Amino acid sequence: ATLVRMHPGNVPQKQAMKEQLTRCISVNLYSVLREYYQEKDQQPSS
């Protein structure tokens, strides 16, 4: 399993996270949504 952790800021808070960091994908919510829909819009044109 993989955990996708979305957060509102530029840098995720990881003070309590000590283990299995490679299995946690930390992304900014608005940034990842923008990239997802940009790639989705580019697929028909390509």
PDB file of all heavy atoms in Angstrom:
ATOM      1  N   ALA A   1       0.827  -1.206   0.000  1.00  0.00           N
ATOM      2  CA  ALA A   1       0.000   0.000   0.000  1.00  0.00           C
ATOM      3  C   ALA A   1       0.864   1.260   0.000  1.00  0.00           C
ATOM      4  O   ALA A   1       1.992   1.259   0.493  1.00  0.00           O
ATOM      5  CB  ALA A   1      -0.927   0.002   1.199  1.00  0.00           C
ATOM      6  N   THR A   2       0.301   2.323  -0.551  1.00  0.00           N
ATOM      7  CA  THR A   2       0.964   3.629  -0.603  1.00  0.00           C
ATOM      8  C   THR A   2      -0.014   4.688  -0.124  1.00  0.00           C
ATOM      9  O   THR A   2      -1.191   4.664  -0.486  1.00  0.00           O
ATOM     10  CB  THR A   2       1.425   3.950  -2.029  1.00  0.00           C
ATOM     11  OG1 THR A   2       2.314   2.926  -2.483  1.00  0.00           O
ATOM     12  CG2 THR A   2       2.160   5.279  -2.066  1.00  0.00           C
ATOM     13  N   LEU A   3       0.482   5.598   0.669  1.00  0.00           N
ATOM     14  CA  LEU A   3      -0.336   6.684   1.198  1.00  0.00           C
ATOM     15  C   LEU A   3      -0.013   7.969   0.441  1.00  0.00           C
ATOM     16  O   LEU A   3       1.143   8.390   0.386  1.00  0.00           O
ATOM     17  CB  LEU A   3      -0.071   6.874   2.689  1.00  0.00           C
ATOM     18  CG  LEU A   3      -0.782   8.055   3.356  1.00  0.00           C
ATOM     19  CD1 LEU A   3      -2.286   7.849   3.342  1.00  0.00           C
ATOM     20  CD2 LEU A   3      -0.283   8.250   4.787  1.00  0.00           C
ATOM     21  N   VAL A   4      -1.038   8.568  -0.152  1.00  0.00           N
ATOM     22  CA  VAL A   4      -0.892   9.879  -0.798  1.00  0.00           C
ATOM     23  C   VAL A   4      -1.408  10.921   0.178  1.00  0.00           C
ATOM     24  O   VAL A   4      -2.607  10.991   0.456  1.00  0.00           O
ATOM     25  CB  VAL A   4      -1.657   9.948  -2.131  1.00  0.00           C
ATOM     26  CG1 VAL A   4      -1.525  11.337  -2.746  1.00  0.00           C
ATOM     27  CG2 VAL A   4      -1.129   8.900  -3.089  1.00  0.00           C
ATOM     28  N   ARG A   5      -0.503  11.701   0.712  1.00  0.00           N
ATOM     29  CA  ARG A   5      -0.840  12.688   1.726  1.00  0.00           C
ATOM     30  C   ARG A   5      -0.836  14.078   1.086  1.00  0.00           C
ATOM     31  O   ARG A   5       0.194  14.554   0.611  1.00  0.00           O
ATOM     32  CB  ARG A   5       0.173  12.618   2.863  1.00  0.00           C
ATOM     33  CG  ARG A   5      -0.025  13.682   3.921  1.00  0.00           C
ATOM     34  CD  ARG A   5       1.300  14.045   4.523  1.00  0.00           C
ATOM     35  NE  ARG A   5       1.161  15.047   5.571  1.00  0.00           N
ATOM     36  CZ  ARG A   5       2.182  15.560   6.222  1.00  0.00           C
ATOM     37  NH1 ARG A   5       3.412  15.163   5.939  1.00  0.00           N
ATOM     38  NH2 ARG A   5       2.009  16.477   7.141  1.00  0.00           N
ATOM     39  N   MET A   6      -1.986  14.712   1.085  1.00  0.00           N
ATOM     40  CA  MET A   6      -2.134  16.044   0.510  1.00  0.00           C
ATOM     41  C   MET A   6      -2.219  17.075   1.629  1.00  0.00           C
ATOM     42  O   MET A   6      -2.851  16.827   2.666  1.00  0.00           O
ATOM     43  CB  MET A   6      -3.386  16.106  -0.366  1.00  0.00           C
ATOM     44  CG  MET A   6      -3.370  15.092  -1.500  1.00  0.00           C
ATOM     45  SD  MET A   6      -4.841  15.194  -2.534  1.00  0.00           S
ATOM     46  CE  MET A   6      -4.486  13.890  -3.718  1.00  0.00           C
ATOM     47  N   HIS A   7      -1.593  18.213   1.419  1.00  0.00           N
ATOM     48  CA  HIS A   7      -1.518  19.247   2.444  1.00  0.00           C
ATOM     49  C   HIS A   7      -1.699  20.609   1.781  1.00  0.00           C
ATOM     50  O   HIS A   7      -1.509  20.757   0.559  1.00  0.00           O
ATOM     51  CB  HIS A   7      -0.171  19.188   3.168  1.00  0.00           C
ATOM     52  CG  HIS A   7       1.016  19.261   2.255  1.00  0.00           C
ATOM     53  ND1 HIS A   7       1.574  20.455   1.865  1.00  0.00           N
ATOM     54  CD2 HIS A   7       1.727  18.292   1.631  1.00  0.00           C
ATOM     55  CE1 HIS A   7       2.579  20.221   1.048  1.00  0.00           C
ATOM     56  NE2 HIS A   7       2.698  18.917   0.892  1.00  0.00           N
ATOM     57  N   PRO A   8      -2.044  21.644   2.550  1.00  0.00           N
ATOM     58  CA  PRO A   8      -2.312  22.954   1.943  1.00  0.00           C
ATOM     59  C   PRO A   8      -1.082  23.818   1.731  1.00  0.00           C
ATOM     60  O   PRO A   8      -1.115  24.745   0.925  1.00  0.00           O
ATOM     61  CB  PRO A   8      -3.255  23.615   2.964  1.00  0.00           C
ATOM     62  CG  PRO A   8      -2.861  23.005   4.270  1.00  0.00           C
ATOM     63  CD  PRO A   8      -2.422  21.599   3.969  1.00  0.00           C
ATOM     64  N   GLY A   9       0.026  23.579   2.440  1.00  0.00           N
ATOM     65  CA  GLY A   9       1.186  24.453   2.374  1.00  0.00           C
ATOM     66  C   GLY A   9       2.212  24.015   1.353  1.00  0.00           C
ATOM     67  O   GLY A   9       2.039  23.022   0.631  1.00  0.00           O
ATOM     68  N   ASN A  10       3.307  24.761   1.303  1.00  0.00           N
ATOM     69  CA  ASN A  10       4.393  24.435   0.382  1.00  0.00           C
ATOM     70  C   ASN A  10       5.267  23.291   0.897  1.00  0.00           C
ATOM     71  O   ASN A  10       5.789  22.503   0.107  1.00  0.00           O
ATOM     72  CB  ASN A  10       5.266  25.676   0.140  1.00  0.00           C
ATOM     73  CG  ASN A  10       4.508  26.775  -0.580  1.00  0.00           C
ATOM     74  OD1 ASN A  10       3.634  26.503  -1.391  1.00  0.00           O
ATOM     75  ND2 ASN A  10       4.831  28.027  -0.260  1.00  0.00           N
ATOM     76  N   VAL A  11       5.437  23.214   2.214  1.00  0.00           N
ATOM     77  CA  VAL A  11       6.284  22.190   2.823  1.00  0.00           C
ATOM     78  C   VAL A  11       5.434  21.351   3.768  1.00  0.00           C
ATOM     79  O   VAL A  11       4.770  21.896   4.658  1.00  0.00           O
ATOM     80  CB  VAL A  11       7.461  22.827   3.600  1.00  0.00           C
ATOM     81  CG1 VAL A  11       8.325  21.741   4.232  1.00  0.00           C
ATOM     82  CG2 VAL A  11       8.289  23.702   2.677  1.00  0.00           C
ATOM     83  N   PRO A  12       5.411  20.019   3.610  1.00  0.00           N
ATOM     84  CA  PRO A  12       4.599  19.176   4.501  1.00  0.00           C
ATOM     85  C   PRO A  12       5.207  19.090   5.890  1.00  0.00           C
ATOM     86  O   PRO A  12       6.427  19.109   6.058  1.00  0.00           O
ATOM     87  CB  PRO A  12       4.612  17.815   3.798  1.00  0.00           C
ATOM     88  CG  PRO A  12       5.881  17.806   3.013  1.00  0.00           C
ATOM     89  CD  PRO A  12       6.101  19.226   2.575  1.00  0.00           C
ATOM     90  N   GLN A  13       4.355  18.993   6.875  1.00  0.00           N
ATOM     91  CA  GLN A  13       4.802  18.824   8.248  1.00  0.00           C
ATOM     92  C   GLN A  13       5.103  17.349   8.510  1.00  0.00           C
ATOM     93  O   GLN A  13       4.237  16.498   8.325  1.00  0.00           O
ATOM     94  CB  GLN A  13       3.738  19.328   9.231  1.00  0.00           C
ATOM     95  CG  GLN A  13       3.428  20.807   9.085  1.00  0.00           C
ATOM     96  CD  GLN A  13       2.347  21.272  10.031  1.00  0.00           C
ATOM     97  OE1 GLN A  13       1.726  20.473  10.711  1.00  0.00           O
ATOM     98  NE2 GLN A  13       2.116  22.572  10.072  1.00  0.00           N
ATOM     99  N   LYS A  14       6.323  17.065   8.934  1.00  0.00           N
ATOM    100  CA  LYS A  14       6.746  15.678   9.140  1.00  0.00           C
ATOM    101  C   LYS A  14       7.368  15.460  10.517  1.00  0.00           C
ATOM    102  O   LYS A  14       8.174  14.549  10.701  1.00  0.00           O
ATOM    103  CB  LYS A  14       7.760  15.269   8.059  1.00  0.00           C
ATOM    104  CG  LYS A  14       7.199  15.270   6.645  1.00  0.00           C
ATOM    105  CD  LYS A  14       8.228  14.778   5.650  1.00  0.00           C
ATOM    106  CE  LYS A  14       7.659  14.728   4.241  1.00  0.00           C
ATOM    107  NZ  LYS A  14       8.656  14.234   3.255  1.00  0.00           N
ATOM    108  N   GLN A  15       6.990  16.279  11.495  1.00  0.00           N
ATOM    109  CA  GLN A  15       7.593  16.147  12.814  1.00  0.00           C
ATOM    110  C   GLN A  15       7.317  14.785  13.431  1.00  0.00           C
ATOM    111  O   GLN A  15       8.170  14.224  14.124  1.00  0.00           O
ATOM    112  CB  GLN A  15       7.062  17.251  13.755  1.00  0.00           C
ATOM    113  CG  GLN A  15       7.536  18.646  13.402  1.00  0.00           C
ATOM    114  CD  GLN A  15       6.626  19.340  12.403  1.00  0.00           C
ATOM    115  OE1 GLN A  15       5.966  18.688  11.611  1.00  0.00           O
ATOM    116  NE2 GLN A  15       6.605  20.661  12.448  1.00  0.00           N
ATOM    117  N   ALA A  16       6.129  14.228  13.194  1.00  0.00           N
ATOM    118  CA  ALA A  16       5.755  12.950  13.804  1.00  0.00           C
ATOM    119  C   ALA A  16       6.056  11.755  12.909  1.00  0.00           C
ATOM    120  O   ALA A  16       5.831  10.618  13.319  1.00  0.00           O
ATOM    121  CB  ALA A  16       4.266  12.953  14.169  1.00  0.00           C
ATOM    122  N   MET A  17       6.552  11.982  11.706  1.00  0.00           N
ATOM    123  CA  MET A  17       6.788  10.890  10.762  1.00  0.00           C
ATOM    124  C   MET A  17       8.262  10.486  10.824  1.00  0.00           C
ATOM    125  O   MET A  17       9.144  11.280  10.509  1.00  0.00           O
ATOM    126  CB  MET A  17       6.401  11.321   9.352  1.00  0.00           C
ATOM    127  CG  MET A  17       4.943  11.728   9.222  1.00  0.00           C
ATOM    128  SD  MET A  17       4.498  12.321   7.582  1.00  0.00           S
ATOM    129  CE  MET A  17       4.789  10.845   6.614  1.00  0.00           C
ATOM    130  N   LYS A  18       8.497   9.249  11.232  1.00  0.00           N
ATOM    131  CA  LYS A  18       9.861   8.762  11.407  1.00  0.00           C
ATOM    132  C   LYS A  18      10.162   7.528  10.554  1.00  0.00           C
ATOM    133  O   LYS A  18      11.330   7.280  10.238  1.00  0.00           O
ATOM    134  CB  LYS A  18      10.105   8.411  12.881  1.00  0.00           C
ATOM    135  CG  LYS A  18       9.861   9.567  13.855  1.00  0.00           C
ATOM    136  CD  LYS A  18      10.803  10.739  13.603  1.00  0.00           C
ATOM    137  CE  LYS A  18      10.566  11.862  14.605  1.00  0.00           C
ATOM    138  NZ  LYS A  18      11.438  13.023  14.356  1.00  0.00           N
ATOM    139  N   GLU A  19       9.154   6.760  10.175  1.00  0.00           N
ATOM    140  CA  GLU A  19       9.373   5.497   9.480  1.00  0.00           C
ATOM    141  C   GLU A  19       8.539   5.438   8.208  1.00  0.00           C
ATOM    142  O   GLU A  19       7.534   6.136   8.070  1.00  0.00           O
ATOM    143  CB  GLU A  19       9.019   4.312  10.386  1.00  0.00           C
ATOM    144  CG  GLU A  19       9.854   4.230  11.667  1.00  0.00           C
ATOM    145  CD  GLU A  19       9.440   3.097  12.553  1.00  0.00           C
ATOM    146  OE1 GLU A  19       8.425   2.428  12.211  1.00  0.00           O
ATOM    147  OE2 GLU A  19      10.092   2.843  13.575  1.00  0.00           O
ATOM    148  N   GLN A  20       8.976   4.595   7.276  1.00  0.00           N
ATOM    149  CA  GLN A  20       8.268   4.303   6.026  1.00  0.00           C
ATOM    150  C   GLN A  20       7.979   5.576   5.232  1.00  0.00           C
ATOM    151  O   GLN A  20       6.916   5.728   4.623  1.00  0.00           O
ATOM    152  CB  GLN A  20       6.957   3.559   6.297  1.00  0.00           C
ATOM    153  CG  GLN A  20       7.114   2.286   7.102  1.00  0.00           C
ATOM    154  CD  GLN A  20       5.823   1.520   7.203  1.00  0.00           C
ATOM    155  OE1 GLN A  20       5.286   1.078   6.181  1.00  0.00           O
ATOM    156  NE2 GLN A  20       5.320   1.341   8.409  1.00  0.00           N
ATOM    157  N   LEU A  21       8.928   6.481   5.214  1.00  0.00           N
ATOM    158  CA  LEU A  21       8.713   7.736   4.508  1.00  0.00           C
ATOM    159  C   LEU A  21       8.653   7.536   2.995  1.00  0.00           C
ATOM    160  O   LEU A  21       8.024   8.329   2.288  1.00  0.00           O
ATOM    161  CB  LEU A  21       9.830   8.727   4.861  1.00  0.00           C
ATOM    162  CG  LEU A  21       9.897   9.168   6.333  1.00  0.00           C
ATOM    163  CD1 LEU A  21      11.035  10.152   6.538  1.00  0.00           C
ATOM    164  CD2 LEU A  21       8.584   9.774   6.782  1.00  0.00           C
ATOM    165  N   THR A  22       9.299   6.493   2.491  1.00  0.00           N
ATOM    166  CA  THR A  22       9.283   6.246   1.049  1.00  0.00           C
ATOM    167  C   THR A  22       7.912   5.796   0.560  1.00  0.00           C
ATOM    168  O   THR A  22       7.625   5.901  -0.638  1.00  0.00           O
ATOM    169  CB  THR A  22      10.330   5.186   0.684  1.00  0.00           C
ATOM    170  OG1 THR A  22      10.064   3.971   1.426  1.00  0.00           O
ATOM    171  CG2 THR A  22      11.731   5.677   1.015  1.00  0.00           C
ATOM    172  N   ARG A  23       7.080   5.319   1.453  1.00  0.00           N
ATOM    173  CA  ARG A  23       5.745   4.860   1.065  1.00  0.00           C
ATOM    174  C   ARG A  23       4.699   5.949   1.203  1.00  0.00           C
ATOM    175  O   ARG A  23       3.525   5.713   0.948  1.00  0.00           O
ATOM    176  CB  ARG A  23       5.357   3.651   1.913  1.00  0.00           C
ATOM    177  CG  ARG A  23       6.364   2.518   1.819  1.00  0.00           C
ATOM    178  CD  ARG A  23       5.956   1.348   2.668  1.00  0.00           C
ATOM    179  NE  ARG A  23       4.702   0.799   2.212  1.00  0.00           N
ATOM    180  CZ  ARG A  23       4.028  -0.156   2.867  1.00  0.00           C
ATOM    181  NH1 ARG A  23       4.486  -0.611   4.000  1.00  0.00           N
ATOM    182  NH2 ARG A  23       2.908  -0.634   2.385  1.00  0.00           N
ATOM    183  N   CYS A  24       5.112   7.126   1.619  1.00  0.00           N
ATOM    184  CA  CYS A  24       4.206   8.254   1.765  1.00  0.00           C
ATOM    185  C   CYS A  24       4.549   9.313   0.722  1.00  0.00           C
ATOM    186  O   CYS A  24       5.665   9.833   0.695  1.00  0.00           O
ATOM    187  CB  CYS A  24       4.297   8.837   3.175  1.00  0.00           C
ATOM    188  SG  CYS A  24       3.207  10.255   3.455  1.00  0.00           S
ATOM    189  N   ILE A  25       3.601   9.630  -0.142  1.00  0.00           N
ATOM    190  CA  ILE A  25       3.774  10.647  -1.170  1.00  0.00           C
ATOM    191  C   ILE A  25       3.124  11.930  -0.668  1.00  0.00           C
ATOM    192  O   ILE A  25       1.906  12.007  -0.530  1.00  0.00           O
ATOM    193  CB  ILE A  25       3.141  10.203  -2.497  1.00  0.00           C
ATOM    194  CG1 ILE A  25       3.707   8.854  -2.943  1.00  0.00           C
ATOM    195  CG2 ILE A  25       3.356  11.249  -3.577  1.00  0.00           C
ATOM    196  CD1 ILE A  25       3.022   8.286  -4.167  1.00  0.00           C
ATOM    197  N   SER A  26       3.932  12.932  -0.372  1.00  0.00           N
ATOM    198  CA  SER A  26       3.438  14.205   0.161  1.00  0.00           C
ATOM    199  C   SER A  26       3.392  15.238  -0.955  1.00  0.00           C
ATOM    200  O   SER A  26       4.422  15.547  -1.561  1.00  0.00           O
ATOM    201  CB  SER A  26       4.337  14.696   1.300  1.00  0.00           C
ATOM    202  OG  SER A  26       4.338  13.773   2.377  1.00  0.00           O
ATOM    203  N   VAL A  27       2.198  15.759  -1.222  1.00  0.00           N
ATOM    204  CA  VAL A  27       2.005  16.715  -2.312  1.00  0.00           C
ATOM    205  C   VAL A  27       1.089  17.842  -1.841  1.00  0.00           C
ATOM    206  O   VAL A  27       0.251  17.651  -0.952  1.00  0.00           O
ATOM    207  CB  VAL A  27       1.397  16.035  -3.562  1.00  0.00           C
ATOM    208  CG1 VAL A  27       2.365  15.054  -4.171  1.00  0.00           C
ATOM    209  CG2 VAL A  27       0.085  15.341  -3.221  1.00  0.00           C
ATOM    210  N   ASN A  28       1.279  18.995  -2.441  1.00  0.00           N
ATOM    211  CA  ASN A  28       0.356  20.101  -2.230  1.00  0.00           C
ATOM    212  C   ASN A  28      -0.943  19.828  -2.992  1.00  0.00           C
ATOM    213  O   ASN A  28      -0.918  19.439  -4.159  1.00  0.00           O
ATOM    214  CB  ASN A  28       0.987  21.406  -2.707  1.00  0.00           C
ATOM    215  CG  ASN A  28       0.050  22.588  -2.577  1.00  0.00           C
ATOM    216  OD1 ASN A  28      -0.741  22.868  -3.479  1.00  0.00           O
ATOM    217  ND2 ASN A  28       0.130  23.293  -1.470  1.00  0.00           N
ATOM    218  N   LEU A  29      -2.069  20.008  -2.325  1.00  0.00           N
ATOM    219  CA  LEU A  29      -3.360  19.649  -2.914  1.00  0.00           C
ATOM    220  C   LEU A  29      -3.612  20.382  -4.227  1.00  0.00           C
ATOM    221  O   LEU A  29      -3.965  19.771  -5.236  1.00  0.00           O
ATOM    222  CB  LEU A  29      -4.478  19.950  -1.910  1.00  0.00           C
ATOM    223  CG  LEU A  29      -5.913  19.801  -2.432  1.00  0.00           C
ATOM    224  CD1 LEU A  29      -6.207  18.354  -2.802  1.00  0.00           C
ATOM    225  CD2 LEU A  29      -6.918  20.295  -1.397  1.00  0.00           C
ATOM    226  N   TYR A  30      -3.418  21.677  -4.236  1.00  0.00           N
ATOM    227  CA  TYR A  30      -3.744  22.476  -5.419  1.00  0.00           C
ATOM    228  C   TYR A  30      -2.736  22.243  -6.543  1.00  0.00           C
ATOM    229  O   TYR A  30      -3.093  22.259  -7.722  1.00  0.00           O
ATOM    230  CB  TYR A  30      -3.802  23.948  -5.021  1.00  0.00           C
ATOM    231  CG  TYR A  30      -4.617  24.179  -3.767  1.00  0.00           C
ATOM    232  CD1 TYR A  30      -3.995  24.412  -2.550  1.00  0.00           C
ATOM    233  CD2 TYR A  30      -6.007  24.109  -3.805  1.00  0.00           C
ATOM    234  CE1 TYR A  30      -4.746  24.593  -1.383  1.00  0.00           C
ATOM    235  CE2 TYR A  30      -6.759  24.290  -2.652  1.00  0.00           C
ATOM    236  CZ  TYR A  30      -6.124  24.526  -1.443  1.00  0.00           C
ATOM    237  OH  TYR A  30      -6.859  24.693  -0.300  1.00  0.00           O
ATOM    238  N   SER A  31      -1.479  21.996  -6.191  1.00  0.00           N
ATOM    239  CA  SER A  31      -0.462  21.751  -7.199  1.00  0.00           C
ATOM    240  C   SER A  31      -0.696  20.428  -7.921  1.00  0.00           C
ATOM    241  O   SER A  31      -0.607  20.348  -9.154  1.00  0.00           O
ATOM    242  CB  SER A  31       0.932  21.755  -6.553  1.00  0.00           C
ATOM    243  OG  SER A  31       1.927  21.409  -7.495  1.00  0.00           O
ATOM    244  N   VAL A  32      -1.024  19.368  -7.186  1.00  0.00           N
ATOM    245  CA  VAL A  32      -1.204  18.060  -7.812  1.00  0.00           C
ATOM    246  C   VAL A  32      -2.496  18.020  -8.628  1.00  0.00           C
ATOM    247  O   VAL A  32      -2.542  17.382  -9.692  1.00  0.00           O
ATOM    248  CB  VAL A  32      -1.187  16.946  -6.752  1.00  0.00           C
ATOM    249  CG1 VAL A  32      -2.445  16.960  -5.898  1.00  0.00           C
ATOM    250  CG2 VAL A  32      -1.005  15.581  -7.398  1.00  0.00           C
ATOM    251  N   LEU A  33      -3.527  18.708  -8.192  1.00  0.00           N
ATOM    252  CA  LEU A  33      -4.762  18.759  -8.985  1.00  0.00           C
ATOM    253  C   LEU A  33      -4.539  19.519 -10.292  1.00  0.00           C
ATOM    254  O   LEU A  33      -5.043  19.122 -11.347  1.00  0.00           O
ATOM    255  CB  LEU A  33      -5.881  19.412  -8.183  1.00  0.00           C
ATOM    256  CG  LEU A  33      -6.487  18.583  -7.049  1.00  0.00           C
ATOM    257  CD1 LEU A  33      -7.512  19.400  -6.279  1.00  0.00           C
ATOM    258  CD2 LEU A  33      -7.120  17.308  -7.581  1.00  0.00           C
ATOM    259  N   ARG A  34      -3.777  20.616 -10.227  1.00  0.00           N
ATOM    260  CA  ARG A  34      -3.488  21.379 -11.436  1.00  0.00           C
ATOM    261  C   ARG A  34      -2.692  20.544 -12.431  1.00  0.00           C
ATOM    262  O   ARG A  34      -2.998  20.532 -13.626  1.00  0.00           O
ATOM    263  CB  ARG A  34      -2.723  22.658 -11.076  1.00  0.00           C
ATOM    264  CG  ARG A  34      -2.388  23.529 -12.272  1.00  0.00           C
ATOM    265  CD  ARG A  34      -1.822  24.867 -11.848  1.00  0.00           C
ATOM    266  NE  ARG A  34      -0.595  24.722 -11.086  1.00  0.00           N
ATOM    267  CZ  ARG A  34      -0.505  24.969  -9.786  1.00  0.00           C
ATOM    268  NH1 ARG A  34      -1.559  25.376  -9.107  1.00  0.00           N
ATOM    269  NH2 ARG A  34       0.654  24.823  -9.147  1.00  0.00           N
ATOM    270  N   GLU A  35      -1.686  19.814 -11.954  1.00  0.00           N
ATOM    271  CA  GLU A  35      -0.895  18.983 -12.855  1.00  0.00           C
ATOM    272  C   GLU A  35      -1.717  17.838 -13.426  1.00  0.00           C
ATOM    273  O   GLU A  35      -1.584  17.483 -14.610  1.00  0.00           O
ATOM    274  CB  GLU A  35       0.325  18.432 -12.112  1.00  0.00           C
ATOM    275  CG  GLU A  35       1.232  17.575 -12.988  1.00  0.00           C
ATOM    276  CD  GLU A  35       2.584  17.323 -12.360  1.00  0.00           C
ATOM    277  OE1 GLU A  35       2.959  18.086 -11.447  1.00  0.00           O
ATOM    278  OE2 GLU A  35       3.272  16.389 -12.803  1.00  0.00           O
ATOM    279  N   TYR A  36      -2.590  17.253 -12.623  1.00  0.00           N
ATOM    280  CA  TYR A  36      -3.425  16.144 -13.100  1.00  0.00           C
ATOM    281  C   TYR A  36      -4.333  16.594 -14.245  1.00  0.00           C
ATOM    282  O   TYR A  36      -4.422  15.925 -15.279  1.00  0.00           O
ATOM    283  CB  TYR A  36      -4.259  15.591 -11.949  1.00  0.00           C
ATOM    284  CG  TYR A  36      -5.266  14.555 -12.370  1.00  0.00           C
ATOM    285  CD1 TYR A  36      -4.904  13.219 -12.547  1.00  0.00           C
ATOM    286  CD2 TYR A  36      -6.591  14.912 -12.605  1.00  0.00           C
ATOM    287  CE1 TYR A  36      -5.829  12.276 -12.944  1.00  0.00           C
ATOM    288  CE2 TYR A  36      -7.528  13.970 -12.998  1.00  0.00           C
ATOM    289  CZ  TYR A  36      -7.144  12.652 -13.161  1.00  0.00           C
ATOM    290  OH  TYR A  36      -8.083  11.720 -13.572  1.00  0.00           O
ATOM    291  N   TYR A  37      -4.998  17.722 -14.086  1.00  0.00           N
ATOM    292  CA  TYR A  37      -5.933  18.175 -15.113  1.00  0.00           C
ATOM    293  C   TYR A  37      -5.198  18.743 -16.328  1.00  0.00           C
ATOM    294  O   TYR A  37      -5.721  18.676 -17.449  1.00  0.00           O
ATOM    295  CB  TYR A  37      -6.893  19.209 -14.528  1.00  0.00           C
ATOM    296  CG  TYR A  37      -7.926  18.588 -13.611  1.00  0.00           C
ATOM    297  CD1 TYR A  37      -7.905  18.827 -12.247  1.00  0.00           C
ATOM    298  CD2 TYR A  37      -8.910  17.737 -14.110  1.00  0.00           C
ATOM    299  CE1 TYR A  37      -8.837  18.241 -11.402  1.00  0.00           C
ATOM    300  CE2 TYR A  37      -9.850  17.163 -13.281  1.00  0.00           C
ATOM    301  CZ  TYR A  37      -9.811  17.408 -11.921  1.00  0.00           C
ATOM    302  OH  TYR A  37     -10.739  16.826 -11.092  1.00  0.00           O
ATOM    303  N   GLN A  38      -4.019  19.285 -16.137  1.00  0.00           N
ATOM    304  CA  GLN A  38      -3.240  19.725 -17.295  1.00  0.00           C
ATOM    305  C   GLN A  38      -2.833  18.536 -18.156  1.00  0.00           C
ATOM    306  O   GLN A  38      -2.928  18.593 -19.387  1.00  0.00           O
ATOM    307  CB  GLN A  38      -2.006  20.495 -16.820  1.00  0.00           C
ATOM    308  CG  GLN A  38      -2.308  21.898 -16.326  1.00  0.00           C
ATOM    309  CD  GLN A  38      -1.070  22.616 -15.815  1.00  0.00           C
ATOM    310  OE1 GLN A  38       0.004  22.013 -15.681  1.00  0.00           O
ATOM    311  NE2 GLN A  38      -1.191  23.900 -15.522  1.00  0.00           N
ATOM    312  N   GLU A  39      -2.381  17.461 -17.530  1.00  0.00           N
ATOM    313  CA  GLU A  39      -2.034  16.264 -18.296  1.00  0.00           C
ATOM    314  C   GLU A  39      -3.265  15.657 -18.953  1.00  0.00           C
ATOM    315  O   GLU A  39      -3.196  15.163 -20.077  1.00  0.00           O
ATOM    316  CB  GLU A  39      -1.382  15.228 -17.373  1.00  0.00           C
ATOM    317  CG  GLU A  39      -0.008  15.644 -16.862  1.00  0.00           C
ATOM    318  CD  GLU A  39       0.595  14.594 -15.963  1.00  0.00           C
ATOM    319  OE1 GLU A  39      -0.083  13.574 -15.709  1.00  0.00           O
ATOM    320  OE2 GLU A  39       1.738  14.791 -15.506  1.00  0.00           O
ATOM    321  N   LYS A  40      -4.392  15.714 -18.279  1.00  0.00           N
ATOM    322  CA  LYS A  40      -5.622  15.163 -18.842  1.00  0.00           C
ATOM    323  C   LYS A  40      -6.076  15.948 -20.063  1.00  0.00           C
ATOM    324  O   LYS A  40      -6.576  15.378 -21.037  1.00  0.00           O
ATOM    325  CB  LYS A  40      -6.720  15.169 -17.778  1.00  0.00           C
ATOM    326  CG  LYS A  40      -7.994  14.443 -18.190  1.00  0.00           C
ATOM    327  CD  LYS A  40      -8.986  14.419 -17.050  1.00  0.00           C
ATOM    328  CE  LYS A  40     -10.257  13.702 -17.458  1.00  0.00           C
ATOM    329  NZ  LYS A  40     -11.253  13.673 -16.346  1.00  0.00           N
ATOM    330  N   ASP A  41      -5.907  17.284 -20.031  1.00  0.00           N
ATOM    331  CA  ASP A  41      -6.292  18.112 -21.174  1.00  0.00           C
ATOM    332  C   ASP A  41      -5.332  17.950 -22.345  1.00  0.00           C
ATOM    333  O   ASP A  41      -5.722  18.130 -23.502  1.00  0.00           O
ATOM    334  CB  ASP A  41      -6.342  19.579 -20.754  1.00  0.00           C
ATOM    335  CG  ASP A  41      -7.443  19.838 -19.740  1.00  0.00           C
ATOM    336  OD1 ASP A  41      -8.384  19.032 -19.673  1.00  0.00           O
ATOM    337  OD2 ASP A  41      -7.339  20.839 -18.994  1.00  0.00           O
ATOM    338  N   GLN A  42      -4.076  17.614 -22.073  1.00  0.00           N
ATOM    339  CA  GLN A  42      -3.085  17.476 -23.141  1.00  0.00           C
ATOM    340  C   GLN A  42      -3.185  16.143 -23.864  1.00  0.00           C
ATOM    341  O   GLN A  42      -2.712  16.023 -24.990  1.00  0.00           O
ATOM    342  CB  GLN A  42      -1.678  17.629 -22.564  1.00  0.00           C
ATOM    343  CG  GLN A  42      -1.349  19.048 -22.115  1.00  0.00           C
ATOM    344  CD  GLN A  42      -0.016  19.143 -21.434  1.00  0.00           C
ATOM    345  OE1 GLN A  42       0.670  18.132 -21.268  1.00  0.00           O
ATOM    346  NE2 GLN A  42       0.369  20.329 -21.026  1.00  0.00           N
ATOM    347  N   GLN A  43      -3.811  15.153 -23.282  1.00  0.00           N
ATOM    348  CA  GLN A  43      -3.886  13.837 -23.915  1.00  0.00           C
ATOM    349  C   GLN A  43      -4.662  13.842 -25.231  1.00  0.00           C
ATOM    350  O   GLN A  43      -4.198  13.311 -26.222  1.00  0.00           O
ATOM    351  CB  GLN A  43      -4.481  12.821 -22.929  1.00  0.00           C
ATOM    352  CG  GLN A  43      -3.529  12.424 -21.811  1.00  0.00           C
ATOM    353  CD  GLN A  43      -4.158  11.448 -20.840  1.00  0.00           C
ATOM    354  OE1 GLN A  43      -5.340  11.107 -20.949  1.00  0.00           O
ATOM    355  NE2 GLN A  43      -3.372  11.010 -19.882  1.00  0.00           N
ATOM    356  N   PRO A  44      -5.871  14.447 -25.322  1.00  0.00           N
ATOM    357  CA  PRO A  44      -6.567  14.471 -26.620  1.00  0.00           C
ATOM    358  C   PRO A  44      -5.798  15.205 -27.702  1.00  0.00           C
ATOM    359  O   PRO A  44      -5.758  14.774 -28.850  1.00  0.00           O
ATOM    360  CB  PRO A  44      -7.893  15.171 -26.289  1.00  0.00           C
ATOM    361  CG  PRO A  44      -8.071  14.990 -24.823  1.00  0.00           C
ATOM    362  CD  PRO A  44      -6.674  15.018 -24.261  1.00  0.00           C
ATOM    363  N   SER A  45      -5.146  16.340 -27.350  1.00  0.00           N
ATOM    364  CA  SER A  45      -4.401  17.101 -28.353  1.00  0.00           C
ATOM    365  C   SER A  45      -3.189  16.325 -28.849  1.00  0.00           C
ATOM    366  O   SER A  45      -2.836  16.387 -30.034  1.00  0.00           O
ATOM    367  CB  SER A  45      -3.965  18.441 -27.769  1.00  0.00           C
ATOM    368  OG  SER A  45      -3.140  18.242 -26.633  1.00  0.00           O
ATOM    369  N   SER A  46      -2.536  15.567 -27.957  1.00  0.00           N
ATOM    370  CA  SER A  46      -1.374  14.788 -28.380  1.00  0.00           C
ATOM    371  C   SER A  46      -1.794  13.660 -29.321  1.00  0.00           C
ATOM    372  O   SER A  46      -1.077  13.322 -30.264  1.00  0.00           O
ATOM    373  CB  SER A  46      -0.662  14.218 -27.149  1.00  0.00           C
ATOM    374  OG  SER A  46      -1.515  13.345 -26.429  1.00  0.00           O
TER     375      SER A  46
END
